[in-house]
Structures are given as structure tokens and as C-alpha cells.
C-alpha atoms as a PDB file:
ATOM      1  CA  MET A   1      -6.303  28.613 -10.826  1.00  0.00           C
ATOM      2  CA  ALA A   2      -9.199  29.348 -13.135  1.00  0.00           C
ATOM      3  CA  GLU A   3      -6.958  28.945 -16.153  1.00  0.00           C
ATOM      4  CA  LEU A   4      -6.208  25.384 -15.045  1.00  0.00           C
ATOM      5  CA  GLY A   5      -9.896  24.532 -15.048  1.00  0.00           C
ATOM      6  CA  VAL A   6      -9.657  23.180 -11.517  1.00  0.00           C
ATOM      7  CA  ALA A   7     -11.816  24.291  -8.616  1.00  0.00           C
ATOM      8  CA  ASP A   8      -9.850  25.539  -5.620  1.00  0.00           C
ATOM      9  CA  GLY A   9     -10.989  22.684  -3.380  1.00  0.00           C
ATOM     10  CA  ALA A  10     -10.204  20.003  -5.953  1.00  0.00           C
ATOM     11  CA  LEU A  11      -6.654  21.268  -6.417  1.00  0.00           C
ATOM     12  CA  GLU A  12      -6.086  21.489  -2.669  1.00  0.00           C
ATOM     13  CA  GLY A  13      -7.353  17.926  -2.286  1.00  0.00           C
ATOM     14  CA  ARG A  14      -4.884  16.674  -4.881  1.00  0.00           C
ATOM     15  CA  MET A  15      -2.052  18.576  -3.221  1.00  0.00           C
ATOM     16  CA  ALA A  16      -2.893  17.061   0.184  1.00  0.00           C
ATOM     17  CA  GLU A  17      -3.111  13.595  -1.341  1.00  0.00           C
ATOM     18  CA  GLN A  18       0.240  14.048  -3.002  1.00  0.00           C
ATOM     19  CA  ALA A  19       1.746  15.217   0.286  1.00  0.00           C
ATOM     20  CA  TRP A  20       0.800  12.033   2.155  1.00  0.00           C
ATOM     21  CA  GLN A  21       1.820   9.884  -0.784  1.00  0.00           C
ATOM     22  CA  LYS A  22       5.235  11.556  -0.714  1.00  0.00           C
ATOM     23  CA  GLU A  23       5.470  10.862   3.014  1.00  0.00           C
ATOM     24  CA  VAL A  24       4.847   7.157   2.362  1.00  0.00           C
ATOM     25  CA  PHE A  25       7.642   7.000  -0.191  1.00  0.00           C
ATOM     26  CA  ASP A  26       9.976   9.012   2.040  1.00  0.00           C
ATOM     27  CA  VAL A  27       9.555   6.532   4.918  1.00  0.00           C
ATOM     28  CA  LEU A  28      10.346   3.638   2.578  1.00  0.00           C
ATOM     29  CA  LYS A  29      13.334   5.369   1.006  1.00  0.00           C
ATOM     30  CA  GLU A  30      14.791   6.531   4.329  1.00  0.00           C
ATOM     31  CA  GLY A  31      14.312   3.020   5.735  1.00  0.00           C
ATOM     32  CA  GLY A  32      16.484   1.495   3.050  1.00  0.00           C
ATOM     33  CA  VAL A  33      13.822  -0.253   0.990  1.00  0.00           C
ATOM     34  CA  ARG A  34      15.515  -1.569  -2.161  1.00  0.00           C
ATOM     35  CA  GLN A  35      12.538  -3.247  -3.853  1.00  0.00           C
ATOM     36  CA  ILE A  36       8.944  -2.134  -4.208  1.00  0.00           C
ATOM     37  CA  ALA A  37       6.654  -4.809  -5.628  1.00  0.00           C
ATOM     38  CA  PHE A  38       3.286  -3.678  -6.979  1.00  0.00           C
ATOM     39  CA  VAL A  39       0.270  -4.210  -9.157  1.00  0.00           C
ATOM     40  CA  PRO A  40      -0.584  -0.803 -10.675  1.00  0.00           C
ATOM     41  CA  ASP A  41      -2.959   1.200  -8.475  1.00  0.00           C
ATOM     42  CA  ALA A  42      -3.886   4.894  -8.485  1.00  0.00           C
ATOM     43  CA  GLY A  43      -3.616   5.118  -4.686  1.00  0.00           C
ATOM     44  CA  HIS A  44       0.019   4.040  -4.880  1.00  0.00           C
ATOM     45  CA  ALA A  45       0.808   6.009  -8.053  1.00  0.00           C
ATOM     46  CA  TYR A  46       3.248   8.411  -6.401  1.00  0.00           C
ATOM     47  CA  ALA A  47       5.319   5.687  -4.703  1.00  0.00           C
ATOM     48  CA  ILE A  48       5.327   3.578  -7.868  1.00  0.00           C
ATOM     49  CA  ARG A  49       6.463   6.490 -10.030  1.00  0.00           C
ATOM     50  CA  GLU A  50       9.182   7.479  -7.570  1.00  0.00           C
ATOM     51  CA  ALA A  51      10.405   3.884  -7.260  1.00  0.00           C
ATOM     52  CA  GLU A  52      10.586   3.566 -11.041  1.00  0.00           C
ATOM     53  CA  ASN A  53      12.666   6.759 -11.198  1.00  0.00           C
ATOM     54  CA  ASP A  54      14.962   5.958  -8.261  1.00  0.00           C
ATOM     55  CA  PRO A  55      18.203   4.203  -9.248  1.00  0.00           C
ATOM     56  CA  ASP A  56      18.528   2.725  -5.736  1.00  0.00           C
ATOM     57  CA  ILE A  57      15.128   1.006  -5.802  1.00  0.00           C
ATOM     58  CA  ASP A  58      13.956  -1.819  -8.033  1.00  0.00           C
ATOM     59  CA  ALA A  59      10.290  -1.321  -8.966  1.00  0.00           C
ATOM     60  CA  VAL A  60       8.929  -4.836  -9.510  1.00  0.00           C
ATOM     61  CA  LEU A  61       5.764  -4.965 -11.603  1.00  0.00           C
ATOM     62  CA  LEU A  62       3.679  -8.005 -10.685  1.00  0.00           C
ATOM     63  CA  THR A  63       1.070  -9.919 -12.659  1.00  0.00           C
ATOM     64  CA  ASN A  64      -0.783 -10.607  -9.397  1.00  0.00           C
ATOM     65  CA  GLU A  65      -0.364  -9.719  -5.746  1.00  0.00           C
ATOM     66  CA  GLN A  66       0.605 -13.175  -4.486  1.00  0.00           C
ATOM     67  CA  GLU A  67       3.821 -12.920  -6.488  1.00  0.00           C
ATOM     68  CA  GLY A  68       4.663  -9.912  -4.341  1.00  0.00           C
ATOM     69  CA  VAL A  69       4.785 -12.003  -1.172  1.00  0.00           C
ATOM     70  CA  GLY A  70       7.478 -14.124  -2.795  1.00  0.00           C
ATOM     71  CA  VAL A  71       9.360 -11.053  -4.042  1.00  0.00           C
ATOM     72  CA  VAL A  72       9.401  -9.505  -0.568  1.00  0.00           C
ATOM     73  CA  CYS A  73      10.568 -12.755   1.063  1.00  0.00           C
ATOM     74  CA  GLY A  74      13.211 -13.314  -1.596  1.00  0.00           C
ATOM     75  CA  ALA A  75      14.502  -9.780  -1.147  1.00  0.00           C
ATOM     76  CA  TRP A  76      14.919 -10.417   2.578  1.00  0.00           C
ATOM     77  CA  LEU A  77      16.803 -13.641   1.919  1.00  0.00           C
ATOM     78  CA  GLY A  78      19.056 -11.644  -0.415  1.00  0.00           C
ATOM     79  CA  GLY A  79      19.786  -9.035   2.253  1.00  0.00           C
ATOM     80  CA  GLN A  80      17.378  -6.340   1.069  1.00  0.00           C
ATOM     81  CA  ARG A  81      14.259  -4.710   2.428  1.00  0.00           C
ATOM     82  CA  ALA A  82      11.202  -4.813   0.185  1.00  0.00           C
ATOM     83  CA  VAL A  83       7.577  -3.681   0.429  1.00  0.00           C
ATOM     84  CA  LEU A  84       4.433  -4.908  -1.322  1.00  0.00           C
ATOM     85  CA  LEU A  85       1.946  -2.274  -2.550  1.00  0.00           C
ATOM     86  CA  MET A  86      -1.547  -3.540  -3.346  1.00  0.00           C
ATOM     87  CA  GLN A  87      -5.241  -2.778  -3.274  1.00  0.00           C
ATOM     88  CA  SER A  88      -7.629  -4.437  -0.808  1.00  0.00           C
ATOM     89  CA  SER A  89      -9.002  -6.690  -3.539  1.00  0.00           C
ATOM     90  CA  GLY A  90      -5.497  -8.135  -3.946  1.00  0.00           C
ATOM     91  CA  VAL A  91      -5.334  -9.316  -0.343  1.00  0.00           C
ATOM     92  CA  GLY A  92      -7.634 -12.204  -1.209  1.00  0.00           C
ATOM     93  CA  ASN A  93      -5.192 -13.274  -3.922  1.00  0.00           C
ATOM     94  CA  CYS A  94      -2.407 -13.644  -1.335  1.00  0.00           C
ATOM     95  CA  VAL A  95      -3.955 -15.820   1.345  1.00  0.00           C
ATOM     96  CA  ASN A  96      -2.139 -19.025   0.417  1.00  0.00           C
ATOM     97  CA  MET A  97       1.211 -17.230   0.069  1.00  0.00           C
ATOM     98  CA  PHE A  98       0.775 -15.614   3.492  1.00  0.00           C
ATOM     99  CA  SER A  99       1.453 -19.083   4.942  1.00  0.00           C
ATOM    100  CA  LEU A 100       5.068 -18.583   3.821  1.00  0.00           C
ATOM    101  CA  LEU A 101       5.302 -15.601   6.187  1.00  0.00           C
ATOM    102  CA  ASP A 102       3.900 -17.583   9.090  1.00  0.00           C
ATOM    103  CA  ASN A 103       6.080 -20.642   8.562  1.00  0.00           C
ATOM    104  CA  CYS A 104       9.328 -18.840   7.808  1.00  0.00           C
ATOM    105  CA  ARG A 105       8.777 -15.772  10.036  1.00  0.00           C
ATOM    106  CA  PHE A 106       9.950 -13.330   7.364  1.00  0.00           C
ATOM    107  CA  PRO A 107       9.653  -9.633   8.169  1.00  0.00           C
ATOM    108  CA  PHE A 108       6.878  -8.348   5.912  1.00  0.00           C
ATOM    109  CA  LEU A 109       5.351  -4.969   5.139  1.00  0.00           C
ATOM    110  CA  THR A 110       2.491  -4.313   2.766  1.00  0.00           C
ATOM    111  CA  LEU A 111       0.663  -1.061   2.140  1.00  0.00           C
ATOM    112  CA  VAL A 112      -2.937  -1.670   1.102  1.00  0.00           C
ATOM    113  CA  THR A 113      -5.156   0.949  -0.509  1.00  0.00           C
ATOM    114  CA  MET A 114      -8.740   0.252   0.464  1.00  0.00           C
ATOM    115  CA  ARG A 115     -11.715  -0.108  -1.844  1.00  0.00           C
ATOM    116  CA  GLY A 116     -15.284  -1.137  -1.092  1.00  0.00           C
ATOM    117  CA  GLU A 117     -15.664   1.471   1.626  1.00  0.00           C
ATOM    118  CA  TYR A 118     -16.471   5.160   1.552  1.00  0.00           C
ATOM    119  CA  ALA A 119     -18.307   6.288  -1.609  1.00  0.00           C
ATOM    120  CA  GLU A 120     -17.483   3.091  -3.525  1.00  0.00           C
ATOM    121  CA  PHE A 121     -19.129   2.967  -6.946  1.00  0.00           C
ATOM    122  CA  ASN A 122     -18.052  -0.562  -7.874  1.00  0.00           C
ATOM    123  CA  PRO A 123     -20.041  -3.264  -6.028  1.00  0.00           C
ATOM    124  CA  TRP A 124     -17.412  -5.879  -6.889  1.00  0.00           C
ATOM    125  CA  GLN A 125     -14.963  -4.106  -4.564  1.00  0.00           C
ATOM    126  CA  SER A 126     -17.248  -4.196  -1.507  1.00  0.00           C
ATOM    127  CA  PRO A 127     -17.029  -7.839  -0.326  1.00  0.00           C
ATOM    128  CA  MET A 128     -13.229  -7.873   0.008  1.00  0.00           C
ATOM    129  CA  GLY A 129     -13.189  -4.282   1.236  1.00  0.00           C
ATOM    130  CA  ARG A 130     -15.350  -5.328   4.190  1.00  0.00           C
ATOM    131  CA  ARG A 131     -13.133  -8.326   4.969  1.00  0.00           C
ATOM    132  CA  THR A 132      -9.586  -7.162   4.261  1.00  0.00           C
ATOM    133  CA  GLU A 133      -8.620  -6.436   7.861  1.00  0.00           C
ATOM    134  CA  ALA A 134     -10.099  -9.702   9.148  1.00  0.00           C
ATOM    135  CA  VAL A 135      -8.385 -11.757   6.424  1.00  0.00           C
ATOM    136  CA  LEU A 136      -5.007 -10.226   7.212  1.00  0.00           C
ATOM    137  CA  GLU A 137      -5.461 -10.778  10.941  1.00  0.00           C
ATOM    138  CA  LEU A 138      -6.573 -14.394  10.405  1.00  0.00           C
ATOM    139  CA  MET A 139      -3.319 -14.941   8.512  1.00  0.00           C
ATOM    140  CA  GLY A 140      -1.307 -13.606  11.470  1.00  0.00           C
ATOM    141  CA  ILE A 141      -0.538 -10.192  10.022  1.00  0.00           C
ATOM    142  CA  ARG A 142      -0.632  -7.166  12.316  1.00  0.00           C
ATOM    143  CA  VAL A 143      -2.893  -4.454  10.871  1.00  0.00           C
ATOM    144  CA  TYR A 144      -2.550  -0.694  11.201  1.00  0.00           C
ATOM    145  CA  ARG A 145      -5.096   1.618   9.585  1.00  0.00           C
ATOM    146  CA  VAL A 146      -4.879   5.234   8.427  1.00  0.00           C
ATOM    147  CA  ASP A 147      -7.825   7.413   7.451  1.00  0.00           C
ATOM    148  CA  ARG A 148      -6.331  10.874   7.951  1.00  0.00           C
ATOM    149  CA  ALA A 149      -3.478  12.427   5.971  1.00  0.00           C
ATOM    150  CA  GLU A 150      -1.793  13.884   9.047  1.00  0.00           C
ATOM    151  CA  GLU A 151      -1.370  10.359  10.510  1.00  0.00           C
ATOM    152  CA  VAL A 152       0.144   8.671   7.452  1.00  0.00           C
ATOM    153  CA  ALA A 153       3.849   9.259   8.078  1.00  0.00           C
ATOM    154  CA  GLU A 154       3.704   8.197  11.733  1.00  0.00           C
ATOM    155  CA  VAL A 155       1.668   5.043  11.084  1.00  0.00           C
ATOM    156  CA  VAL A 156       3.757   3.930   8.094  1.00  0.00           C
ATOM    157  CA  HIS A 157       6.937   4.568  10.082  1.00  0.00           C
ATOM    158  CA  ALA A 158       5.595   2.557  13.041  1.00  0.00           C
ATOM    159  CA  ALA A 159       4.633  -0.303  10.720  1.00  0.00           C
ATOM    160  CA  PHE A 160       8.047  -0.143   9.064  1.00  0.00           C
ATOM    161  CA  ASP A 161       9.762  -0.469  12.451  1.00  0.00           C
ATOM    162  CA  SER A 162       7.458  -3.336  13.468  1.00  0.00           C
ATOM    163  CA  ALA A 163       8.354  -5.193  10.295  1.00  0.00           C
ATOM    164  CA  PHE A 164      12.052  -4.525   9.912  1.00  0.00           C
ATOM    165  CA  LEU A 165      13.184  -3.996  13.505  1.00  0.00           C
ATOM    166  CA  ALA A 166      10.858  -6.402  15.334  1.00  0.00           C
ATOM    167  CA  GLY A 167      10.573  -8.928  12.476  1.00  0.00           C
ATOM    168  CA  GLU A 168       6.776  -8.834  12.346  1.00  0.00           C
ATOM    169  CA  GLN A 169       4.377  -9.218   9.441  1.00  0.00           C
ATOM    170  CA  VAL A 170       2.500  -5.921   9.070  1.00  0.00           C
ATOM    171  CA  ALA A 171      -0.105  -4.364   6.805  1.00  0.00           C
ATOM    172  CA  VAL A 172      -1.061  -0.693   6.687  1.00  0.00           C
ATOM    173  CA  LEU A 173      -4.568  -0.117   5.386  1.00  0.00           C
ATOM    174  CA  LEU A 174      -4.867   3.250   3.662  1.00  0.00           C
ATOM    175  CA  GLY A 175      -8.578   3.999   3.985  1.00  0.00           C
ATOM    176  CA  GLN A 176     -10.733   5.053   1.080  1.00  0.00           C
ATOM    177  CA  ARG A 177     -11.523   8.392   2.766  1.00  0.00           C
ATOM    178  CA  LEU A 178      -7.789   9.109   2.818  1.00  0.00           C
ATOM    179  CA  ILE A 179      -7.330   8.139  -0.821  1.00  0.00           C
ATOM    180  CA  GLY A 180     -10.431  10.047  -1.899  1.00  0.00           C
ATOM    181  CA  ARG A 181     -13.459   9.308  -3.989  1.00  0.00           C
ATOM    182  CA  LYS A 182     -12.981   7.424  -7.211  1.00  0.00           C
ATOM    183  CA  ASN A 183     -14.704   9.214 -10.041  1.00  0.00           C
ATOM    184  CA  TRP A 184     -16.239   6.973 -12.644  1.00  0.00           C
ATOM    185  CA  VAL A 185     -17.304   8.553 -15.906  1.00  0.00           C
ATOM    186  CA  GLY A 186     -19.257   6.129 -18.041  1.00  0.00           C
ATOM    187  CA  LYS A 187     -19.930   6.612 -21.738  1.00  0.00           C
END
């Protein structure tokens, strides 16, 4: 590993992160998700890359997160399952569109990578990071949270079933400890 220039622990951390990210995508793929709507985010990088490379899944790049609520609802109306991937800061952009879920009772699943928590370097992320769960719950969305890699597959699968079998609106918060520290290198 020395020739890679990566410390043993750092490489293991990336491998573990990639393992849980793969588990997330596997749950979505096995569940028949046909559209994955997203705003680019490092925490969702694996699922985004896999969706872009999968001929059975349409990867839908959004200009903002609220568009994703409409994409997911439209997919359902068209007979497909879709998931919205976003960061916690994007939840605030969706509040008005969440009323569509409440009024029309669409099944809904979003996976939210958290910011503004553990070891956050960007103070602009903190206000929404502290309020993400409460905002989702106020909008009638059931919230599951994952902070440990070994729990990811089970929690995402449970949320998937709640959304697509029980017809609920569900968000899975992927905690910042799970995702790992963001490293900022200023110049």
C-alpha cells in the first residue's frame, strides 16, 4: 500500500464507505428502481455513477432538489419506482413540493446525506443539518437514520418497503459519521 501513497487506515475507510454505498445501490436495483434523481453529491457518488452506467436505470440530473420530488412522483404515475438522492441542505429547497406528497399520497423515498453535523468545516451547512429531521417530519415524512455502515442495507431496505409496499413517504438520513469527514484544503 505504500506505493499508493495511502495510509492503511485511510484505504480501509474508503473500502468500508464503498461497501455501504454499494449496498445502497443494490437495494435500489433489486427493488426495481428505474429512475434515480439527484443533485451531484460525494456521499451519493457510488449510486450516481452506477445509475449512470446501468441501462435499466435513468439517472436524472437535477438543477435543484425540489425538481426531484416532481420526478419521483411523475415516475410513479408512469408505473416506475424512483428515488431522490440529496444532501441535507437540499431538504430546505423541497418543503413546498413536499405538499404534493401529502395531498396526493405518492409513495416517496429519498436518501439524504447529512452535513452540518460531525466534524463539519462549513458553517453554512450547520443550520439545515440541525433541522433536517424536524423539517421532514413536519412535512409528514417518516425518517429513518443510519450512522453505522453495518446498518445501512437493513435500514435502506426497510425504508424501501415502507415507501413502495406500504405507500409511505420516507427519508433515510445517512449521518455524517457514516459518510466520513470532509477534507477541505484551502489555497
